[in-house]
N, C-alpha and C. Protein backbone atom coordinates (compact mmCIF):
# COMPACT_ATOMS: atom_id res chain seq x y z
N MET A 1 0.72 -1.19 -0.14
CA MET A 1 -0.12 0.13 0.05
C MET A 1 0.87 1.32 0.04
N SER A 2 0.52 2.02 -1.09
CA SER A 2 1.50 3.11 -0.89
C SER A 2 0.85 4.43 -0.37
N VAL A 3 1.60 5.21 0.01
CA VAL A 3 1.10 6.58 0.81
C VAL A 3 1.51 7.48 -0.18
N GLN A 4 0.51 8.41 -0.49
CA GLN A 4 0.72 9.54 -1.40
C GLN A 4 1.20 10.71 -0.73
N GLN A 5 2.03 11.44 -1.30
CA GLN A 5 2.51 12.49 -0.62
C GLN A 5 2.42 13.81 -1.64
N GLY A 6 2.43 14.86 -0.99
CA GLY A 6 2.25 16.12 -1.73
C GLY A 6 3.34 16.06 -2.61
N SER A 7 3.59 17.06 -3.64
CA SER A 7 4.45 17.25 -4.36
C SER A 7 5.74 17.69 -3.90
N GLY A 8 5.77 17.68 -2.74
CA GLY A 8 7.02 18.21 -2.20
C GLY A 8 6.93 20.01 -2.18
N ASN A 9 6.54 20.54 -3.04
CA ASN A 9 6.33 22.03 -3.22
C ASN A 9 5.06 22.49 -2.34
N PRO A 10 5.24 23.27 -1.32
CA PRO A 10 4.28 23.84 -0.84
C PRO A 10 3.24 24.79 -1.48
N ASP A 11 3.53 25.43 -2.37
CA ASP A 11 3.00 26.34 -3.15
C ASP A 11 1.96 25.55 -4.31
N VAL A 12 2.26 24.28 -4.43
CA VAL A 12 1.42 23.62 -5.40
C VAL A 12 0.68 22.90 -4.59
N ASP A 13 0.72 22.33 -3.43
CA ASP A 13 -0.18 21.78 -2.70
C ASP A 13 -1.13 22.78 -1.99
N GLN A 14 -0.63 23.87 -1.69
CA GLN A 14 -1.74 25.06 -1.38
C GLN A 14 -2.54 25.39 -2.46
N GLN A 15 -2.11 25.48 -3.59
CA GLN A 15 -3.11 25.53 -5.17
C GLN A 15 -4.12 24.78 -4.80
N SER A 16 -3.79 23.71 -4.81
CA SER A 16 -4.76 22.47 -4.82
C SER A 16 -5.82 22.32 -3.97
N ARG A 17 -5.74 23.01 -2.65
CA ARG A 17 -6.92 22.99 -1.77
C ARG A 17 -7.59 24.40 -1.77
N VAL A 18 -7.20 25.50 -2.39
CA VAL A 18 -7.76 26.71 -2.30
C VAL A 18 -8.29 26.85 -3.70
N SER A 19 -9.79 27.14 -3.51
CA SER A 19 -10.61 27.27 -4.77
C SER A 19 -10.38 28.68 -5.19
N SER A 20 -10.74 28.75 -6.65
CA SER A 20 -10.40 30.06 -7.08
C SER A 20 -11.60 31.08 -6.63
N PRO A 21 -11.10 32.07 -6.90
CA PRO A 21 -12.15 33.40 -6.43
C PRO A 21 -13.39 33.32 -7.32
N GLY A 22 -14.60 33.37 -6.62
CA GLY A 22 -15.84 32.91 -7.40
C GLY A 22 -16.31 31.92 -6.93
N GLU A 23 -15.52 30.74 -6.79
CA GLU A 23 -15.77 29.46 -6.53
C GLU A 23 -16.01 29.23 -4.92
N GLN A 24 -17.06 28.64 -4.71
CA GLN A 24 -17.52 28.36 -3.19
C GLN A 24 -16.87 26.89 -2.67
N ARG A 25 -16.33 26.51 -1.62
CA ARG A 25 -16.17 25.48 -1.30
C ARG A 25 -17.72 24.60 -0.86
N PRO A 26 -18.04 23.31 -1.09
CA PRO A 26 -19.35 22.98 -0.61
C PRO A 26 -19.72 23.25 0.81
N GLN A 27 -18.75 22.94 1.78
CA GLN A 27 -19.10 23.32 2.99
C GLN A 27 -19.23 24.73 3.37
N ASP A 28 -18.84 25.67 2.86
CA ASP A 28 -19.31 27.11 2.71
C ASP A 28 -20.59 27.28 2.20
N ALA A 29 -20.69 26.78 0.91
CA ALA A 29 -21.93 26.91 0.47
C ALA A 29 -23.14 26.42 1.23
N PHE A 30 -23.01 25.32 1.89
CA PHE A 30 -23.84 24.58 2.69
C PHE A 30 -24.02 25.44 3.89
N ARG A 31 -23.30 25.90 4.45
CA ARG A 31 -23.45 26.84 5.51
C ARG A 31 -24.05 27.88 5.32
N GLU A 32 -23.75 28.69 4.45
CA GLU A 32 -24.49 29.82 3.92
C GLU A 32 -25.86 29.71 3.58
N CYS A 33 -26.24 28.52 3.16
CA CYS A 33 -27.57 28.01 2.77
C CYS A 33 -28.24 27.55 4.35
N GLN A 34 -27.65 27.47 4.97
CA GLN A 34 -28.07 26.73 6.53
C GLN A 34 -28.55 28.27 7.17
N VAL A 35 -27.69 29.34 6.98
CA VAL A 35 -27.77 30.26 7.69
C VAL A 35 -28.84 31.20 7.08
N GLN A 36 -29.17 31.22 5.80
CA GLN A 36 -30.12 31.76 5.15
C GLN A 36 -31.44 31.01 5.40
N LEU A 37 -31.20 29.85 5.70
CA LEU A 37 -32.60 28.82 5.92
C LEU A 37 -33.12 29.47 7.09
N GLU A 38 -32.05 29.50 8.19
CA GLU A 38 -32.34 29.59 9.57
C GLU A 38 -33.03 31.20 9.73
N GLY A 39 -32.61 32.28 8.82
CA GLY A 39 -33.11 33.48 8.79
C GLY A 39 -34.48 33.57 8.41
N LEU A 40 -34.54 32.68 7.03
CA LEU A 40 -36.21 32.54 6.71
C LEU A 40 -37.13 31.98 7.48
N LEU A 41 -36.71 30.91 8.32
CA LEU A 41 -37.58 30.18 9.24
C LEU A 41 -37.94 31.22 10.35
N SER A 42 -36.63 31.88 10.78
CA SER A 42 -37.15 33.09 11.88
C SER A 42 -37.93 33.91 11.44
N LYS A 43 -37.80 34.47 10.16
CA LYS A 43 -38.97 35.51 9.70
C LYS A 43 -40.18 34.81 9.67
N ARG A 44 -40.46 33.57 9.41
CA ARG A 44 -41.47 33.18 9.09
C ARG A 44 -42.15 33.00 10.54
N ASP A 45 -41.54 32.29 11.48
CA ASP A 45 -42.10 32.24 12.79
C ASP A 45 -42.33 33.62 13.31
N ASP A 46 -41.79 34.97 13.10
CA ASP A 46 -42.08 36.29 13.58
C ASP A 46 -43.52 36.45 12.82
N ALA A 47 -43.77 36.35 11.73
CA ALA A 47 -44.53 36.65 10.77
C ALA A 47 -45.85 35.93 11.55
N ARG A 48 -45.75 34.51 11.53
CA ARG A 48 -46.83 33.71 12.21
C ARG A 48 -47.31 34.08 13.62
N SER A 49 -46.25 34.61 14.38
CA SER A 49 -46.49 35.01 15.71
C SER A 49 -47.17 36.69 15.68
N GLU A 50 -46.76 37.53 14.76
CA GLU A 50 -47.39 38.44 14.48
C GLU A 50 -49.07 38.52 13.98
N ALA A 51 -48.96 37.76 13.00
CA ALA A 51 -50.41 37.44 12.67
C ALA A 51 -51.45 36.56 13.42
N HIS A 52 -50.83 35.76 14.35
CA HIS A 52 -51.64 35.20 15.72
C HIS A 52 -52.11 36.37 16.65
N ASN A 53 -51.07 37.16 16.78
CA ASN A 53 -51.42 38.18 17.81
C ASN A 53 -52.61 39.31 17.26
N ASP A 54 -52.23 39.50 15.76
CA ASP A 54 -53.18 40.50 15.14
C ASP A 54 -54.39 39.49 15.04
N GLY A 55 -54.61 38.34 15.02
CA GLY A 55 -56.10 37.58 14.90
C GLY A 55 -56.56 37.68 16.38
N ARG A 56 -55.72 37.34 17.57
CA ARG A 56 -56.22 37.61 18.77
C ARG A 56 -56.71 38.84 19.10
N LEU A 57 -56.15 39.75 18.89
CA LEU A 57 -56.55 41.28 18.89
C LEU A 57 -57.87 41.39 18.28
N ALA A 58 -58.02 40.85 17.19
CA ALA A 58 -59.19 41.00 16.05
C ALA A 58 -60.31 40.30 16.69
N PHE A 59 -59.97 39.23 17.41
CA PHE A 59 -61.21 38.67 17.75
C PHE A 59 -61.50 39.26 19.13
N GLN A 60 -60.52 39.76 20.05
CA GLN A 60 -60.93 40.53 21.21
C GLN A 60 -61.98 41.86 20.78
N VAL A 61 -61.64 42.42 19.52
CA VAL A 61 -62.21 43.79 19.24
C VAL A 61 -63.62 43.33 18.77
N LEU A 62 -63.78 42.23 18.13
CA LEU A 62 -65.10 41.70 17.61
C LEU A 62 -65.76 41.35 18.96
N ALA A 63 -65.25 40.77 19.90
CA ALA A 63 -66.01 40.22 21.03
C ALA A 63 -66.48 41.56 21.71
N LEU A 64 -65.75 42.87 21.91
CA LEU A 64 -66.18 43.82 22.57
C LEU A 64 -67.13 44.81 21.61
N LEU A 65 -67.22 44.52 20.45
CA LEU A 65 -68.27 45.06 19.50
C LEU A 65 -69.27 44.52 19.47
N GLN A 66 -69.42 43.01 19.63
CA GLN A 66 -70.62 42.36 19.78
C GLN A 66 -71.09 42.66 21.34
N THR A 67 -70.53 42.93 22.34
CA THR A 67 -71.02 43.18 23.49
C THR A 67 -71.73 44.57 23.58
N MET A 68 -70.91 45.33 22.79
CA MET A 68 -71.32 46.87 22.77
C MET A 68 -72.75 46.79 21.94
N LEU A 69 -73.09 45.97 20.93
CA LEU A 69 -74.04 45.93 20.21
C LEU A 69 -75.19 45.28 20.93
N GLU A 70 -74.89 44.34 21.70
CA GLU A 70 -75.91 43.89 22.64
C GLU A 70 -76.59 44.94 23.64
N THR A 71 -75.61 45.66 24.26
CA THR A 71 -75.80 46.48 25.34
C THR A 71 -76.79 47.68 24.49
N LEU A 72 -76.43 48.10 23.37
CA LEU A 72 -77.33 49.11 22.55
C LEU A 72 -78.78 48.75 22.28
N ARG A 73 -78.88 47.35 21.93
CA ARG A 73 -80.13 46.90 21.72
C ARG A 73 -80.97 46.56 22.99
N LYS A 74 -80.21 46.39 23.75
CA LYS A 74 -81.09 46.40 25.38
C LYS A 74 -81.34 47.68 25.42
N ASN A 75 -80.48 48.72 25.36
CA ASN A 75 -80.74 50.31 26.00
C ASN A 75 -81.82 50.76 24.78
N HIS A 76 -81.87 50.27 23.57
CA HIS A 76 -82.80 50.88 22.71
C HIS A 76 -84.23 50.01 23.06
N ARG A 77 -84.27 48.94 23.48
CA ARG A 77 -85.49 48.24 23.90
C ARG A 77 -86.21 49.07 25.17
N ASP A 78 -85.07 49.29 26.06
CA ASP A 78 -85.63 49.90 27.19
C ASP A 78 -86.22 51.37 27.24
N LEU A 79 -85.41 52.11 26.15
CA LEU A 79 -85.84 53.33 25.94
C LEU A 79 -87.23 53.43 24.96
N LYS A 80 -87.56 52.51 24.39
CA LYS A 80 -88.70 52.14 23.56
C LYS A 80 -90.12 52.26 24.89
N LYS A 81 -89.60 51.10 25.63
CA LYS A 81 -90.44 51.08 26.67
C LYS A 81 -90.93 52.19 27.53
N ALA A 82 -90.02 53.00 27.83
CA ALA A 82 -89.96 54.24 28.57
C ALA A 82 -90.64 55.23 27.77
N ASN A 83 -90.27 55.15 26.59
CA ASN A 83 -91.12 56.45 25.70
C ASN A 83 -92.58 55.95 25.61
N GLU A 84 -92.98 54.54 25.67
CA GLU A 84 -94.07 54.41 25.71
C GLU A 84 -94.93 54.38 27.03
N LYS A 85 -94.47 54.42 27.95
CA LYS A 85 -94.75 54.38 29.07
C LYS A 85 -94.91 56.06 29.65
N LEU A 86 -93.97 56.61 29.08
CA LEU A 86 -94.29 58.29 28.95
C LEU A 86 -95.37 58.85 28.18
N LYS A 87 -95.63 58.18 27.07
CA LYS A 87 -96.64 58.59 26.27
C LYS A 87 -98.04 58.33 26.79
N GLN A 88 -98.16 56.98 27.52
CA GLN A 88 -99.31 56.60 28.41
C GLN A 88 -99.48 57.61 29.38
N THR A 89 -98.62 57.92 30.06
CA THR A 89 -98.58 58.95 31.36
C THR A 89 -99.07 60.26 30.76
N HIS A 90 -98.55 60.99 29.77
CA HIS A 90 -98.73 62.19 29.30
C HIS A 90 -100.07 62.05 28.93
N ASN A 91 -100.79 61.11 27.87
CA ASN A 91 -102.30 60.96 27.69
C ASN A 91 -103.10 60.97 29.07
N GLN A 92 -102.52 60.45 29.94
CA GLN A 92 -103.35 60.11 31.14
C GLN A 92 -103.47 61.67 31.89
N LEU A 93 -102.45 62.25 31.76
CA LEU A 93 -102.36 63.34 32.49
C LEU A 93 -103.19 64.62 31.45
N VAL A 94 -103.32 64.37 30.21
CA VAL A 94 -104.10 65.29 29.39
C VAL A 94 -105.81 64.72 29.81
N SER A 95 -105.94 63.52 29.73
CA SER A 95 -107.20 63.16 30.13
C SER A 95 -107.51 63.95 31.60
N ASP A 96 -106.76 63.52 32.42
CA ASP A 96 -107.18 64.30 33.82
C ASP A 96 -107.43 65.49 33.72
N ALA A 97 -106.60 66.23 32.84
CA ALA A 97 -106.55 67.83 33.17
C ALA A 97 -107.95 68.12 32.41
N LYS A 98 -108.20 67.42 31.38
CA LYS A 98 -109.75 67.91 30.88
C LYS A 98 -110.69 67.52 31.56
N HIS A 99 -110.85 66.61 32.50
CA HIS A 99 -111.59 66.31 33.28
C HIS A 99 -111.88 67.22 34.64
N LEU A 100 -110.84 67.69 34.84
CA LEU A 100 -110.84 68.79 35.69
C LEU A 100 -111.30 70.01 35.39
N GLU A 101 -110.94 70.50 34.03
CA GLU A 101 -111.56 71.81 33.67
C GLU A 101 -112.94 71.37 33.11
N ASP A 102 -113.55 70.29 32.98
CA ASP A 102 -115.04 70.14 32.70
C ASP A 102 -115.56 70.00 34.06
N GLN A 103 -115.08 69.92 35.28
CA GLN A 103 -115.54 69.96 36.47
C GLN A 103 -115.72 71.64 37.01
N PHE A 104 -114.80 72.33 36.63
CA PHE A 104 -115.10 73.49 37.02
C PHE A 104 -115.55 74.57 35.76
């Protein structure tokens, strides 16, 4: 079994290991892709979290608006009843006033 040795010239050995400008070693390219992927995954997670928070806020606002709508409907019903009662009381007072005028 033979063992291969370098050329004995350090410059020649160094050139064979160094990639030319513009070329990336596979490990460097892989690492760069990993870094980019991690960055994209982080951005995706941030966007997902933000969307989740926005959705939660939207549901809270919707629930508040629904509560306000129900309160307004109840107040409207109560005001209609109070208005009807006021009309009846007014009519009764007008009627009583006419009776009093008729008596005198």
